[in-house]
Amino acid sequence: MSMGHDRESPTGGGASLSTPAGLADLSEGDEEQWDNDPPELCGNLSKWTNYIHGWQPRFMALKDGTLVYYRSANETDFGCRGAISIRKAEVKLHDYDELRFDVTVTDCTWYLRASTKEERGKWTLALQSYRKIEQEKLKRHGSSISLLSNSQSTGSTKMKASELADKLAECETFKEILGKQIETLQSYFDASAEMSSALGSNGQRCKLPVISGDIIKKYGLQSTDFKAEAITFKATTTGVLATISHCIELMQQREEQLRRRLEKETAARKIAEEACRTAEANLAAANLASPVIKGGPDFEEGPHSQIGEDEFYDAVESELDRLEIELEKKEQQHLRTVSSSLAEASIQHRLRPVIEDTTSNQLKYARISVGPGEGVWELFAEDGEMKMYKREEEVDGMVVDPLKAIHQVKGVSAKELCHYFFSPDVRLEWEHTIDDMSVLEKIDDDTLIFLQVHKRIWPAAQRDALFWSHIRKVDLDSKEDGILDSWIVCNKSCDHPEAPLGRGGCLRVDLTVCFLCQTYVPPGLDKNNRNNITCRITYCSVVNPGGWAPASVLRTVYKREYPRFLKRFTQYVIDKSKGAPVMW
């Protein structure tokens, strides 16, 4: 796919792009001149390379109408990695990404991204200004086409602050061009007047021998140039009118935006004033309605109180104790109410049957062997004790390759691995692919409903995942001695009213994940000694990423990221459990 990939040469020298129209062919002499003269503009920009590596920082430089880039500022002495001629390039701002702009020459496009809006504006202004200067240098006879095309490209109708400034700069350019063209046309008129006076009032050629070598030779052969200049003048005036019309349109849009904003502000102010008046009226009514309570002199606080100091202190202390007892009773009652409601909810929750059925099925699925004759499982990654298998499957054109990983680690128990895999308190410590995570609902202590927003990898849209997660200890019939316990965590996509589909513009991932762990300790050894513990892991998942993404890209990403995830998570649990008592 053509996405402006980084087609860089392995050596990094010279212009490594192929040679379509518009790419600069820098010779050795050009490179020496580049090194001797400083560039007009340079700095770091992000350049889109490919779907695997995404955006990569590159050092860009603009020099003599050529935009070149290097891997870094330290590699400028080794030759550029690519170059584009700005004379033939089209610079386009992205409609949604406020930091991105594209530079296109025929079928070659560089996708660039600045770090700030100001930096993007500086680069785009420099590139567009250079094109305007080049247009002024063109011959007047051939400038009509470029003027028309430049003036008629109105771009996006969205109101932007920089558009009006650009159009005003175009008007200034047109003004200079018109001035030069008027001078040229005036010279033709002067020549015609001189010819007319030379011919005489009656049209007789009385002085023809005198002017044939001067006036006729100097001006008479310029009729063709005058016609071309008139066409150019007409094209320039057309460009001026189109630019002025666009400026008027921008100002009208701005005026309409300001008018709508003023209406909103006026309406909000009226609502706030009405709410303030209502609040003042309610407060005044409350003050009038509240009774005035006057205490008796015998029990009044102060020097004239008839209660002694000891009695006063005892009364205050007993009252505080009474308030504490009431508060404790309320808290205990609240805890009993919450516990009973959770217990009732866990029994009657709408997802309970689905949770029980899915967990049982995933447990059976995890225990199925992946050896020969057990299905078309393909081993795609192997690292020590870890082996990962997959089957290539697609649903509605989307890759949903089922995955099964077999692994074992030493020094941690099955409960520890499943606890950290399930617990929301530590998820952001080991899961680095999510931007945000929240628990929408607690069904019970061993079942939660999660909403995770994953980090975006351009150009794919951002994804989120809504799923319930359930942890439990399971009893497995094992003929092998030394298996102490087995734990499972099962995750399954679901629906929830607090997280509707398409929230925040995200595509929703559909997933089914099973994480089964078994603790093995050789018979006769101490199970509380971490050196004797081995945990056997079976990890199964089926993920539908939603939306659309190239199958080859998804499979490449899966092949690289799944092994990294499993190794990163198990190492996190080992480090977290080191020096702590074994969790059983």
Protein backbone atom coordinates (compact mmCIF):
# COMPACT_ATOMS: atom_id res chain seq x y z
CA MET A 1 0.00 0.00 0.00
CA SER A 2 1.23 3.46 -0.80
CA MET A 3 1.26 5.51 2.38
CA GLY A 4 4.38 7.57 1.89
CA HIS A 5 6.65 4.86 3.29
CA ASP A 6 10.19 5.61 4.30
CA ARG A 7 11.88 4.20 1.22
CA GLU A 8 15.36 4.85 2.56
CA SER A 9 18.56 3.37 1.25
CA PRO A 10 20.47 1.06 3.61
CA THR A 11 23.54 3.27 3.47
CA GLY A 12 21.60 6.48 4.03
CA GLY A 13 23.50 8.36 1.32
CA GLY A 14 22.09 10.48 -1.49
CA ALA A 15 18.46 10.80 -2.52
CA SER A 16 17.16 7.35 -1.85
CA LEU A 17 13.72 7.85 -3.34
CA SER A 18 12.95 6.63 -6.81
CA THR A 19 12.85 9.32 -9.45
CA PRO A 20 9.28 10.35 -10.30
CA ALA A 21 8.64 13.88 -11.49
CA GLY A 22 9.36 16.51 -8.92
CA LEU A 23 12.04 14.68 -6.91
CA ALA A 24 15.30 16.53 -6.66
CA ASP A 25 18.35 14.84 -8.13
CA LEU A 26 21.16 16.19 -5.97
CA SER A 27 24.56 15.90 -7.55
CA GLU A 28 27.86 16.05 -5.65
CA GLY A 29 28.18 19.74 -6.45
CA ASP A 30 24.70 20.40 -5.10
CA GLU A 31 25.54 18.60 -1.86
CA GLU A 32 28.67 20.70 -1.42
CA GLN A 33 26.67 23.88 -1.98
CA TRP A 34 24.07 22.63 0.52
CA ASP A 35 26.78 22.14 3.14
CA ASN A 36 28.32 25.53 2.50
CA ASP A 37 25.11 27.58 2.56
CA PRO A 38 22.78 27.25 5.55
CA PRO A 39 19.19 26.08 4.85
CA GLU A 40 16.34 28.58 4.86
CA LEU A 41 14.39 26.50 7.40
CA CYS A 42 15.29 23.33 9.32
CA GLY A 43 14.07 21.36 12.30
CA ASN A 44 12.68 18.05 13.50
CA LEU A 45 9.36 16.77 12.15
CA SER A 46 7.63 13.41 12.42
CA LYS A 47 7.43 11.55 9.10
CA TRP A 48 5.09 8.63 8.42
CA THR A 49 7.20 5.61 7.47
CA ASN A 50 4.91 2.57 7.30
CA TYR A 51 2.24 0.72 9.25
CA ILE A 52 4.79 -1.16 11.34
CA HIS A 53 7.01 1.72 12.47
CA GLY A 54 4.41 4.51 12.18
CA TRP A 55 5.61 8.07 12.81
CA GLN A 56 9.36 8.49 13.12
CA PRO A 57 11.33 11.67 13.95
CA ARG A 58 13.29 13.06 11.01
CA PHE A 59 15.45 16.16 10.52
CA MET A 60 13.99 18.31 7.71
CA ALA A 61 15.63 21.18 5.85
CA LEU A 62 14.40 23.59 3.15
CA LYS A 63 17.03 24.89 0.76
CA ASP A 64 16.73 26.53 -2.68
CA GLY A 65 13.26 25.17 -3.30
CA THR A 66 14.12 21.63 -2.19
CA LEU A 67 12.84 19.89 0.94
CA VAL A 68 15.20 17.16 2.16
CA TYR A 69 15.27 14.97 5.23
CA TYR A 70 17.83 13.05 7.26
CA ARG A 71 17.41 10.46 9.97
CA SER A 72 18.76 12.96 12.51
CA ALA A 73 20.62 16.28 12.64
CA ASN A 74 23.86 14.41 13.30
CA GLU A 75 23.70 12.61 9.94
CA THR A 76 23.58 15.64 7.63
CA ASP A 77 27.20 15.04 6.60
CA PHE A 78 26.36 11.58 5.21
CA GLY A 79 23.82 12.71 2.59
CA CYS A 80 20.07 13.10 2.70
CA ARG A 81 17.67 10.15 2.71
CA GLY A 82 15.15 11.80 0.37
CA ALA A 83 14.30 15.08 -1.37
CA ILE A 84 11.28 16.78 -2.94
CA SER A 85 11.17 19.88 -5.14
CA ILE A 86 8.84 22.46 -3.62
CA ARG A 87 8.47 24.16 -7.02
CA LYS A 88 6.13 21.35 -8.10
CA ALA A 89 4.76 20.29 -4.70
CA GLU A 90 1.29 20.73 -3.23
CA VAL A 91 1.08 21.45 0.51
CA LYS A 92 -2.19 20.38 2.15
CA LEU A 93 -3.26 20.77 5.79
CA HIS A 94 -5.07 17.82 7.35
CA ASP A 95 -8.78 18.32 8.01
CA TYR A 96 -8.82 16.76 11.50
CA ASP A 97 -5.25 16.48 12.78
CA GLU A 98 -4.18 20.00 13.75
CA LEU A 99 -0.49 19.10 13.67
CA ARG A 100 -0.26 17.25 10.34
CA PHE A 101 0.39 18.47 6.79
CA ASP A 102 1.11 16.59 3.55
CA VAL A 103 3.55 17.48 0.77
CA THR A 104 2.68 15.87 -2.58
CA VAL A 105 4.53 15.75 -5.90
CA THR A 106 2.62 13.78 -8.57
CA ASP A 107 2.26 10.25 -7.07
CA CYS A 108 4.73 10.76 -4.21
CA THR A 109 3.44 12.05 -0.86
CA TRP A 110 5.27 12.84 2.36
CA TYR A 111 3.05 12.74 5.44
CA LEU A 112 4.56 15.10 8.02
CA ARG A 113 3.56 16.05 11.54
CA ALA A 114 4.80 18.92 13.71
CA SER A 115 4.95 18.97 17.50
CA THR A 116 2.89 22.18 17.86
CA LYS A 117 0.42 24.25 15.83
CA GLU A 118 2.91 27.10 15.65
CA GLU A 119 5.59 24.83 14.22
CA ARG A 120 3.22 23.46 11.57
CA GLY A 121 2.21 27.01 10.62
CA LYS A 122 5.86 28.02 10.28
CA TRP A 123 6.64 25.11 7.94
CA THR A 124 3.51 25.40 5.79
CA LEU A 125 3.93 29.17 5.48
CA ALA A 126 7.53 28.73 4.35
CA LEU A 127 6.62 26.07 1.77
CA GLN A 128 3.64 28.00 0.40
CA SER A 129 5.52 31.31 0.35
CA TYR A 130 8.32 29.72 -1.67
CA ARG A 131 5.78 28.52 -4.24
CA LYS A 132 4.38 32.07 -4.53
CA ILE A 133 7.86 33.46 -5.12
CA GLU A 134 8.45 30.88 -7.82
CA GLN A 135 5.16 31.83 -9.49
CA GLU A 136 6.27 35.45 -9.67
CA LYS A 137 9.46 34.35 -11.41
CA LEU A 138 7.54 32.53 -14.17
CA LYS A 139 7.14 34.10 -17.58
CA ARG A 140 4.09 36.28 -17.88
CA HIS A 141 2.80 34.37 -20.91
CA GLY A 142 2.64 31.12 -19.00
CA SER A 143 1.46 32.54 -15.72
CA SER A 144 -2.24 32.68 -16.55
CA ILE A 145 -2.82 28.98 -15.91
CA SER A 146 -0.97 28.99 -12.59
CA LEU A 147 -2.76 32.14 -11.45
CA LEU A 148 -6.15 30.68 -12.22
CA SER A 149 -5.38 27.38 -10.53
CA ASN A 150 -3.97 29.15 -7.47
CA SER A 151 -6.91 31.52 -7.13
CA GLN A 152 -9.61 28.90 -7.66
CA SER A 153 -8.31 26.43 -5.08
CA THR A 154 -10.48 27.57 -2.19
CA GLY A 155 -9.59 24.54 -0.05
CA SER A 156 -11.69 23.53 2.88
CA THR A 157 -14.75 25.60 3.79
CA LYS A 158 -13.89 25.28 7.45
CA MET A 159 -13.01 28.62 9.00
CA LYS A 160 -9.33 28.83 9.91
CA ALA A 161 -7.45 31.83 11.20
CA SER A 162 -4.52 31.29 8.85
CA GLU A 163 -6.64 31.19 5.66
CA LEU A 164 -7.48 34.88 5.71
CA ALA A 165 -3.83 35.83 6.19
CA ASP A 166 -2.86 33.56 3.29
CA LYS A 167 -5.48 35.13 1.03
CA LEU A 168 -4.39 38.64 1.95
CA ALA A 169 -0.82 37.64 1.08
CA GLU A 170 -2.10 36.39 -2.29
CA CYS A 171 -3.76 39.78 -2.89
CA GLU A 172 -0.44 41.48 -2.18
CA THR A 173 1.26 39.18 -4.69
CA PHE A 174 -1.41 39.86 -7.29
CA LYS A 175 -0.99 43.60 -6.68
CA GLU A 176 2.71 43.42 -7.55
CA ILE A 177 2.02 41.30 -10.64
CA LEU A 178 -0.70 43.70 -11.83
CA GLY A 179 1.64 46.65 -11.37
CA LYS A 180 4.25 45.06 -13.63
CA GLN A 181 1.64 44.06 -16.21
CA ILE A 182 0.14 47.57 -16.28
CA GLU A 183 3.61 49.01 -16.93
CA THR A 184 4.06 46.58 -19.82
CA LEU A 185 0.64 47.35 -21.30
CA GLN A 186 1.28 51.09 -20.91
CA SER A 187 4.47 50.69 -22.94
CA TYR A 188 2.37 49.20 -25.79
CA PHE A 189 -0.04 52.12 -25.64
CA ASP A 190 2.85 54.59 -25.68
CA ALA A 191 4.26 52.83 -28.73
CA SER A 192 0.87 53.05 -30.49
CA ALA A 193 0.62 56.79 -29.72
CA GLU A 194 4.13 57.36 -31.04
CA MET A 195 3.32 55.43 -34.22
CA SER A 196 0.12 57.44 -34.70
CA SER A 197 1.92 60.75 -34.35
CA ALA A 198 4.61 59.58 -36.76
CA LEU A 199 2.07 58.66 -39.44
CA GLY A 200 0.40 62.03 -39.29
CA SER A 201 -3.16 63.12 -38.81
CA ASN A 202 -4.29 62.25 -42.38
CA GLY A 203 -2.73 58.83 -42.34
CA GLN A 204 -0.16 59.61 -45.04
CA ARG A 205 3.16 57.85 -44.74
CA CYS A 206 5.16 61.00 -45.14
CA LYS A 207 7.85 60.00 -42.64
CA LEU A 208 7.89 56.23 -43.26
CA PRO A 209 11.57 56.06 -44.21
CA VAL A 210 12.50 57.83 -40.97
CA ILE A 211 10.45 55.68 -38.55
CA SER A 212 10.81 52.31 -40.24
CA GLY A 213 14.11 51.67 -38.57
CA ASP A 214 13.12 52.98 -35.16
CA ILE A 215 9.47 52.91 -34.27
CA ILE A 216 8.14 50.15 -36.57
CA LYS A 217 11.10 47.87 -35.88
CA LYS A 218 10.88 48.59 -32.15
CA TYR A 219 7.10 48.36 -31.58
CA GLY A 220 5.38 47.08 -34.68
CA LEU A 221 6.33 43.43 -34.15
CA GLN A 222 4.93 43.27 -30.60
CA SER A 223 1.25 42.78 -31.39
CA THR A 224 1.45 39.06 -30.57
CA ASP A 225 3.10 39.79 -27.20
CA PHE A 226 0.45 42.39 -26.45
CA LYS A 227 -2.32 39.82 -26.95
CA ALA A 228 -0.64 37.31 -24.64
CA GLU A 229 -0.04 40.02 -22.05
CA ALA A 230 -3.70 41.01 -22.20
CA ILE A 231 -4.71 37.40 -21.53
CA THR A 232 -2.32 37.27 -18.57
CA PHE A 233 -3.72 40.56 -17.24
CA LYS A 234 -7.24 39.15 -17.46
CA ALA A 235 -6.19 35.98 -15.62
CA THR A 236 -4.54 37.99 -12.87
CA THR A 237 -7.62 40.17 -12.35
CA THR A 238 -9.72 36.98 -12.22
CA GLY A 239 -7.42 35.66 -9.51
CA VAL A 240 -7.74 38.91 -7.56
CA LEU A 241 -11.55 38.78 -7.71
CA ALA A 242 -11.62 35.12 -6.65
CA THR A 243 -9.30 35.79 -3.73
CA ILE A 244 -11.33 38.82 -2.60
CA SER A 245 -14.51 36.73 -2.87
CA HIS A 246 -12.95 34.03 -0.69
CA CYS A 247 -11.88 36.66 1.88
CA ILE A 248 -15.45 37.96 2.01
CA GLU A 249 -16.71 34.40 2.49
CA LEU A 250 -14.27 33.84 5.35
CA MET A 251 -15.31 37.08 7.03
CA GLN A 252 -18.99 36.14 6.66
CA GLN A 253 -18.31 32.76 8.23
CA ARG A 254 -16.43 34.44 11.06
CA GLU A 255 -19.25 36.92 11.55
CA GLU A 256 -21.78 34.09 11.68
CA GLN A 257 -19.68 32.20 14.24
CA LEU A 258 -19.37 35.29 16.42
CA ARG A 259 -23.10 35.93 16.15
CA ARG A 260 -23.94 32.38 17.26
CA ARG A 261 -21.43 32.62 20.11
CA LEU A 262 -22.96 35.92 21.23
CA GLU A 263 -26.43 34.36 21.19
CA LYS A 264 -25.22 31.43 23.32
CA GLU A 265 -23.49 33.72 25.77
CA THR A 266 -26.58 35.94 26.04
CA ALA A 267 -28.83 32.93 26.65
CA ALA A 268 -26.44 31.50 29.25
CA ARG A 269 -26.30 34.85 31.02
CA LYS A 270 -30.10 35.07 31.18
CA ILE A 271 -30.29 31.56 32.64
CA ALA A 272 -27.60 32.38 35.22
CA GLU A 273 -29.34 35.61 36.23
CA GLU A 274 -32.68 33.82 36.61
CA ALA A 275 -31.05 31.06 38.71
CA CYS A 276 -29.39 33.70 40.91
CA ARG A 277 -32.69 35.50 41.50
CA THR A 278 -34.40 32.19 42.36
CA ALA A 279 -31.64 31.25 44.80
CA GLU A 280 -31.85 34.64 46.52
CA ALA A 281 -35.63 34.33 46.88
CA ASN A 282 -35.35 30.80 48.30
CA LEU A 283 -32.67 31.91 50.76
CA ALA A 284 -34.78 34.84 51.97
CA ALA A 285 -37.82 32.59 52.42
CA ALA A 286 -35.73 30.03 54.38
CA ASN A 287 -34.42 32.74 56.72
CA LEU A 288 -37.94 33.98 57.44
CA ALA A 289 -39.32 30.50 58.04
CA SER A 290 -36.55 29.28 60.41
CA PRO A 291 -37.52 29.68 64.06
CA VAL A 292 -35.31 31.54 66.48
CA ILE A 293 -34.32 29.30 69.41
CA LYS A 294 -33.21 30.91 72.65
CA GLY A 295 -31.61 28.77 75.33
CA GLY A 296 -32.45 29.10 78.99
CA PRO A 297 -30.07 30.97 81.30
CA ASP A 298 -29.48 27.92 83.48
CA PHE A 299 -27.98 25.91 80.62
CA GLU A 300 -26.37 28.77 78.67
CA GLU A 301 -22.76 28.31 77.73
CA GLY A 302 -20.55 30.92 79.35
CA PRO A 303 -19.45 32.25 82.75
CA HIS A 304 -23.04 32.41 84.10
CA SER A 305 -23.86 28.77 83.36
CA GLN A 306 -25.16 26.88 86.42
CA ILE A 307 -23.50 23.63 85.27
CA GLY A 308 -20.13 22.99 86.90
CA GLU A 309 -16.95 22.45 84.89
CA ASP A 310 -16.83 18.72 85.64
CA GLU A 311 -20.49 18.27 84.77
CA PHE A 312 -20.04 20.35 81.61
CA TYR A 313 -17.07 18.21 80.51
CA ASP A 314 -18.88 14.97 81.32
CA ALA A 315 -21.90 16.10 79.31
CA VAL A 316 -19.76 17.00 76.27
CA GLU A 317 -17.76 13.76 76.50
CA SER A 318 -20.85 11.57 76.82
CA GLU A 319 -22.47 13.35 73.87
CA LEU A 320 -19.39 12.81 71.68
CA ASP A 321 -19.30 9.15 72.69
CA ARG A 322 -22.97 8.82 71.78
CA LEU A 323 -22.34 10.38 68.36
CA GLU A 324 -19.42 7.99 67.71
CA ILE A 325 -21.56 4.99 68.62
CA GLU A 326 -24.32 6.14 66.30
CA LEU A 327 -21.81 6.67 63.49
CA GLU A 328 -20.36 3.18 63.95
CA LYS A 329 -23.84 1.66 63.92
CA LYS A 330 -24.65 3.51 60.71
CA GLU A 331 -21.42 2.34 59.06
CA GLN A 332 -22.03 -1.26 60.11
CA GLN A 333 -25.59 -1.09 58.89
CA HIS A 334 -24.37 0.38 55.60
CA LEU A 335 -21.78 -2.41 55.20
CA ARG A 336 -24.42 -5.06 55.89
CA THR A 337 -26.73 -3.43 53.38
CA VAL A 338 -24.00 -3.21 50.73
CA SER A 339 -22.88 -6.80 51.36
CA SER A 340 -26.42 -8.13 51.18
CA SER A 341 -27.14 -6.10 48.04
CA LEU A 342 -23.90 -7.35 46.44
CA ALA A 343 -24.73 -10.93 47.35
CA GLU A 344 -28.24 -10.53 45.96
CA ALA A 345 -26.92 -8.81 42.84
CA SER A 346 -24.32 -11.54 42.28
CA ILE A 347 -27.08 -14.15 42.31
CA GLN A 348 -29.62 -12.24 40.28
CA HIS A 349 -27.28 -10.34 37.94
CA ARG A 350 -28.21 -10.63 34.28
CA LEU A 351 -24.68 -11.74 33.32
CA ARG A 352 -24.36 -14.53 35.90
CA PRO A 353 -25.54 -17.36 33.57
CA VAL A 354 -23.28 -16.09 30.77
CA ILE A 355 -20.31 -15.85 33.15
CA GLU A 356 -20.77 -19.43 34.42
CA ASP A 357 -21.28 -20.90 30.95
CA THR A 358 -18.41 -18.97 29.30
CA THR A 359 -15.94 -19.78 32.10
CA SER A 360 -16.74 -23.50 31.90
CA ASN A 361 -16.39 -23.57 28.12
CA GLN A 362 -13.12 -21.61 28.17
CA LEU A 363 -11.71 -23.96 30.82
CA LYS A 364 -12.44 -26.95 28.58
CA TYR A 365 -11.04 -25.11 25.56
CA ALA A 366 -7.80 -24.23 27.40
CA ARG A 367 -7.18 -27.88 28.33
CA ILE A 368 -7.38 -29.13 24.72
CA SER A 369 -3.94 -30.04 23.41
CA VAL A 370 -2.35 -28.22 20.46
CA GLY A 371 -0.25 -31.18 19.39
CA PRO A 372 -0.37 -32.90 15.98
CA GLY A 373 -3.81 -34.13 15.04
CA GLU A 374 -5.53 -31.69 17.42
CA GLY A 375 -6.41 -29.05 14.83
CA VAL A 376 -4.60 -26.75 12.43
CA TRP A 377 -2.56 -24.93 15.08
CA GLU A 378 0.57 -23.22 13.79
CA LEU A 379 3.57 -22.53 16.04
CA PHE A 380 4.58 -18.92 15.31
CA ALA A 381 6.73 -17.95 18.33
CA GLU A 382 8.97 -19.89 20.69
CA ASP A 383 11.19 -18.49 23.43
CA GLY A 384 12.47 -20.86 26.11
CA GLU A 385 9.47 -22.37 27.90
CA MET A 386 7.02 -20.17 25.99
CA LYS A 387 5.33 -21.47 22.84
CA MET A 388 2.63 -19.63 20.95
CA TYR A 389 0.20 -21.17 18.45
CA LYS A 390 -2.42 -19.61 16.18
CA ARG A 391 -5.01 -20.47 13.58
CA GLU A 392 -5.73 -18.09 10.72
CA GLU A 393 -9.43 -17.19 10.74
CA GLU A 394 -11.41 -14.22 9.44
CA VAL A 395 -14.94 -13.01 10.25
CA ASP A 396 -16.52 -10.55 7.78
CA GLY A 397 -13.06 -9.78 6.41
CA MET A 398 -11.54 -9.09 9.86
CA VAL A 399 -8.66 -11.13 11.27
CA VAL A 400 -9.72 -12.98 14.46
CA ASP A 401 -6.90 -15.54 14.62
CA PRO A 402 -7.42 -17.70 17.75
CA LEU A 403 -4.29 -17.78 19.91
CA LYS A 404 -3.08 -20.33 22.44
CA ALA A 405 0.13 -19.84 24.43
CA ILE A 406 1.84 -22.41 26.68
CA HIS A 407 4.33 -21.09 29.22
CA GLN A 408 5.72 -21.76 32.66
CA VAL A 409 7.55 -19.56 35.16
CA LYS A 410 9.31 -20.27 38.44
CA GLY A 411 8.89 -18.63 41.82
CA VAL A 412 5.20 -17.61 41.67
CA SER A 413 1.93 -19.39 42.37
CA ALA A 414 -1.16 -19.68 40.17
CA LYS A 415 -3.17 -17.44 42.49
CA GLU A 416 -0.53 -14.71 42.31
CA LEU A 417 -0.50 -14.67 38.51
CA CYS A 418 -4.31 -14.67 38.27
CA HIS A 419 -4.64 -12.08 41.03
CA TYR A 420 -2.42 -9.54 39.27
CA PHE A 421 -4.03 -10.34 35.89
CA PHE A 422 -7.48 -9.63 37.37
CA SER A 423 -6.85 -6.80 39.85
CA PRO A 424 -7.73 -3.29 38.54
CA ASP A 425 -5.41 -1.68 41.12
CA VAL A 426 -2.24 -2.75 39.30
CA ARG A 427 -3.41 -3.09 35.71
CA LEU A 428 -1.87 0.18 34.55
CA GLU A 429 1.47 -0.93 36.01
CA TRP A 430 1.90 -3.84 33.58
CA GLU A 431 -0.55 -3.06 30.75
CA HIS A 432 1.11 -0.29 28.70
CA THR A 433 -1.23 -0.39 25.68
CA ILE A 434 -4.17 1.41 27.34
CA ASP A 435 -4.76 5.13 27.86
CA ASP A 436 -7.48 4.78 30.46
CA MET A 437 -9.17 2.04 32.50
CA SER A 438 -12.23 2.17 34.73
CA VAL A 439 -14.45 -0.31 36.58
CA LEU A 440 -18.04 0.34 35.53
CA GLU A 441 -19.64 -2.21 37.83
CA LYS A 442 -18.70 -4.61 40.60
CA ILE A 443 -20.90 -7.68 40.25
CA ASP A 444 -19.19 -9.30 43.24
CA ASP A 445 -15.70 -9.65 44.69
CA ASP A 446 -14.56 -12.01 41.92
CA THR A 447 -16.36 -10.39 38.94
CA LEU A 448 -15.92 -6.85 37.57
CA ILE A 449 -16.99 -5.01 34.41
CA PHE A 450 -14.11 -3.06 32.85
CA LEU A 451 -13.93 -0.32 30.23
CA GLN A 452 -10.49 0.11 28.66
CA VAL A 453 -9.49 2.76 26.11
CA HIS A 454 -6.46 1.60 24.14
CA LYS A 455 -3.73 3.83 22.81
CA ARG A 456 -4.19 4.83 19.20
CA ILE A 457 -1.77 3.60 16.55
CA TRP A 458 -2.13 5.83 13.48
CA PRO A 459 -3.65 5.35 10.94
CA ALA A 460 -5.92 2.89 12.73
CA ALA A 461 -8.79 4.41 14.70
CA GLN A 462 -8.70 4.34 18.47
CA ARG A 463 -10.20 1.26 20.11
CA ASP A 464 -11.94 0.55 23.40
CA ALA A 465 -12.92 -2.72 25.07
CA LEU A 466 -15.91 -3.34 27.36
CA PHE A 467 -15.82 -6.73 29.08
CA TRP A 468 -16.53 -8.59 32.30
CA SER A 469 -13.62 -10.26 34.08
CA HIS A 470 -14.11 -13.24 36.41
CA ILE A 471 -11.55 -14.99 38.65
CA ARG A 472 -12.00 -18.27 40.50
CA LYS A 473 -10.21 -21.32 41.83
CA VAL A 474 -11.04 -24.46 39.85
CA ASP A 475 -10.71 -28.16 40.61
CA LEU A 476 -9.07 -30.04 37.77
CA ASP A 477 -8.73 -33.80 37.62
CA SER A 478 -5.00 -34.24 37.26
CA LYS A 479 -3.19 -37.55 37.39
CA GLU A 480 0.15 -35.83 37.95
CA ASP A 481 1.38 -35.55 41.52
CA GLY A 482 2.53 -32.13 42.68
CA ILE A 483 -0.33 -30.00 41.24
CA LEU A 484 -1.42 -27.98 44.28
CA ASP A 485 -4.08 -25.66 42.87
CA SER A 486 -5.52 -24.20 39.67
CA TRP A 487 -6.88 -20.70 39.05
CA ILE A 488 -8.57 -19.15 36.04
CA VAL A 489 -9.35 -15.61 34.86
CA CYS A 490 -11.90 -15.30 32.06
CA ASN A 491 -12.66 -12.06 30.15
CA LYS A 492 -15.58 -11.69 27.76
CA SER A 493 -17.00 -8.69 25.90
CA CYS A 494 -20.44 -7.46 27.02
CA ASP A 495 -22.76 -4.43 26.94
CA HIS A 496 -23.32 -1.79 29.60
CA PRO A 497 -25.58 1.29 29.64
CA GLU A 498 -22.79 3.54 30.94
CA ALA A 499 -20.55 2.76 27.93
CA PRO A 500 -22.54 2.94 24.68
CA LEU A 501 -21.02 1.77 21.41
CA GLY A 502 -18.94 4.42 19.63
CA ARG A 503 -18.24 6.39 22.78
CA GLY A 504 -15.65 9.09 22.11
CA GLY A 505 -15.37 8.01 18.47
CA CYS A 506 -13.72 4.70 19.42
CA LEU A 507 -14.25 1.40 17.64
CA ARG A 508 -15.12 -1.43 20.02
CA VAL A 509 -12.97 -4.55 20.28
CA ASP A 510 -14.74 -7.87 20.80
CA LEU A 511 -12.66 -10.30 22.86
CA THR A 512 -12.71 -13.63 24.65
CA VAL A 513 -9.70 -14.34 26.88
CA CYS A 514 -8.87 -17.27 29.14
CA PHE A 515 -5.89 -17.24 31.55
CA LEU A 516 -5.42 -20.63 33.26
CA CYS A 517 -2.63 -21.23 35.80
CA GLN A 518 -1.58 -24.34 37.76
CA THR A 519 0.88 -24.43 40.66
CA TYR A 520 3.30 -27.35 40.66
CA VAL A 521 5.61 -28.29 43.55
CA PRO A 522 7.58 -31.57 43.42
CA PRO A 523 6.27 -34.02 46.05
CA GLY A 524 8.04 -33.79 49.37
CA LEU A 525 9.34 -30.22 48.95
CA ASP A 526 8.26 -27.13 50.88
CA LYS A 527 5.51 -25.30 48.99
CA ASN A 528 6.30 -22.00 50.73
CA ASN A 529 9.80 -21.93 49.26
CA ARG A 530 9.60 -20.02 45.98
CA ASN A 531 12.55 -21.96 44.58
CA ASN A 532 10.36 -25.09 44.58
CA ILE A 533 7.35 -23.50 42.85
CA THR A 534 6.62 -23.66 39.13
CA CYS A 535 3.47 -22.19 37.58
CA ARG A 536 2.18 -23.62 34.30
CA ILE A 537 0.27 -21.11 32.16
CA THR A 538 -2.23 -21.57 29.34
CA TYR A 539 -3.34 -18.36 27.67
CA CYS A 540 -6.11 -18.38 25.03
CA SER A 541 -7.64 -15.44 23.23
CA VAL A 542 -9.88 -14.58 20.29
CA VAL A 543 -9.90 -10.86 19.44
CA ASN A 544 -11.94 -9.09 16.77
CA PRO A 545 -10.45 -5.56 16.45
CA GLY A 546 -13.60 -4.13 14.86
CA GLY A 547 -13.64 -1.67 11.96
CA TRP A 548 -11.09 -2.46 9.29
CA ALA A 549 -7.35 -2.94 9.18
CA PRO A 550 -5.16 -4.82 6.67
CA ALA A 551 -4.92 -8.52 7.52
CA SER A 552 -1.16 -8.62 6.96
CA VAL A 553 -0.68 -5.68 9.32
CA LEU A 554 -2.78 -7.23 12.09
CA ARG A 555 -1.02 -10.56 11.86
CA THR A 556 2.39 -8.89 11.94
CA VAL A 557 1.42 -6.85 15.00
CA TYR A 558 -0.04 -9.90 16.78
CA LYS A 559 3.05 -11.95 16.09
CA ARG A 560 5.26 -9.28 17.66
CA GLU A 561 3.09 -8.03 20.54
CA TYR A 562 1.64 -11.23 22.05
CA PRO A 563 5.01 -12.72 23.08
CA ARG A 564 6.08 -9.35 24.45
CA PHE A 565 2.89 -9.07 26.49
CA LEU A 566 3.19 -12.53 28.08
CA LYS A 567 6.88 -12.10 28.94
CA ARG A 568 6.32 -8.59 30.30
CA PHE A 569 3.40 -9.63 32.49
CA THR A 570 5.03 -12.75 33.97
CA GLN A 571 8.22 -10.80 34.72
CA TYR A 572 6.11 -8.12 36.43
CA VAL A 573 4.50 -10.74 38.72
CA ILE A 574 7.90 -12.27 39.52
CA ASP A 575 9.30 -8.86 40.51
CA LYS A 576 6.16 -7.97 42.47
CA SER A 577 6.20 -11.24 44.45
CA LYS A 578 9.92 -11.34 45.16
CA GLY A 579 10.60 -11.31 48.91
CA ALA A 580 6.89 -11.60 49.84
CA PRO A 581 5.11 -14.65 51.30
CA VAL A 582 3.60 -16.99 48.73
CA MET A 583 -0.06 -16.20 48.01
CA TRP A 584 -2.22 -19.32 48.30
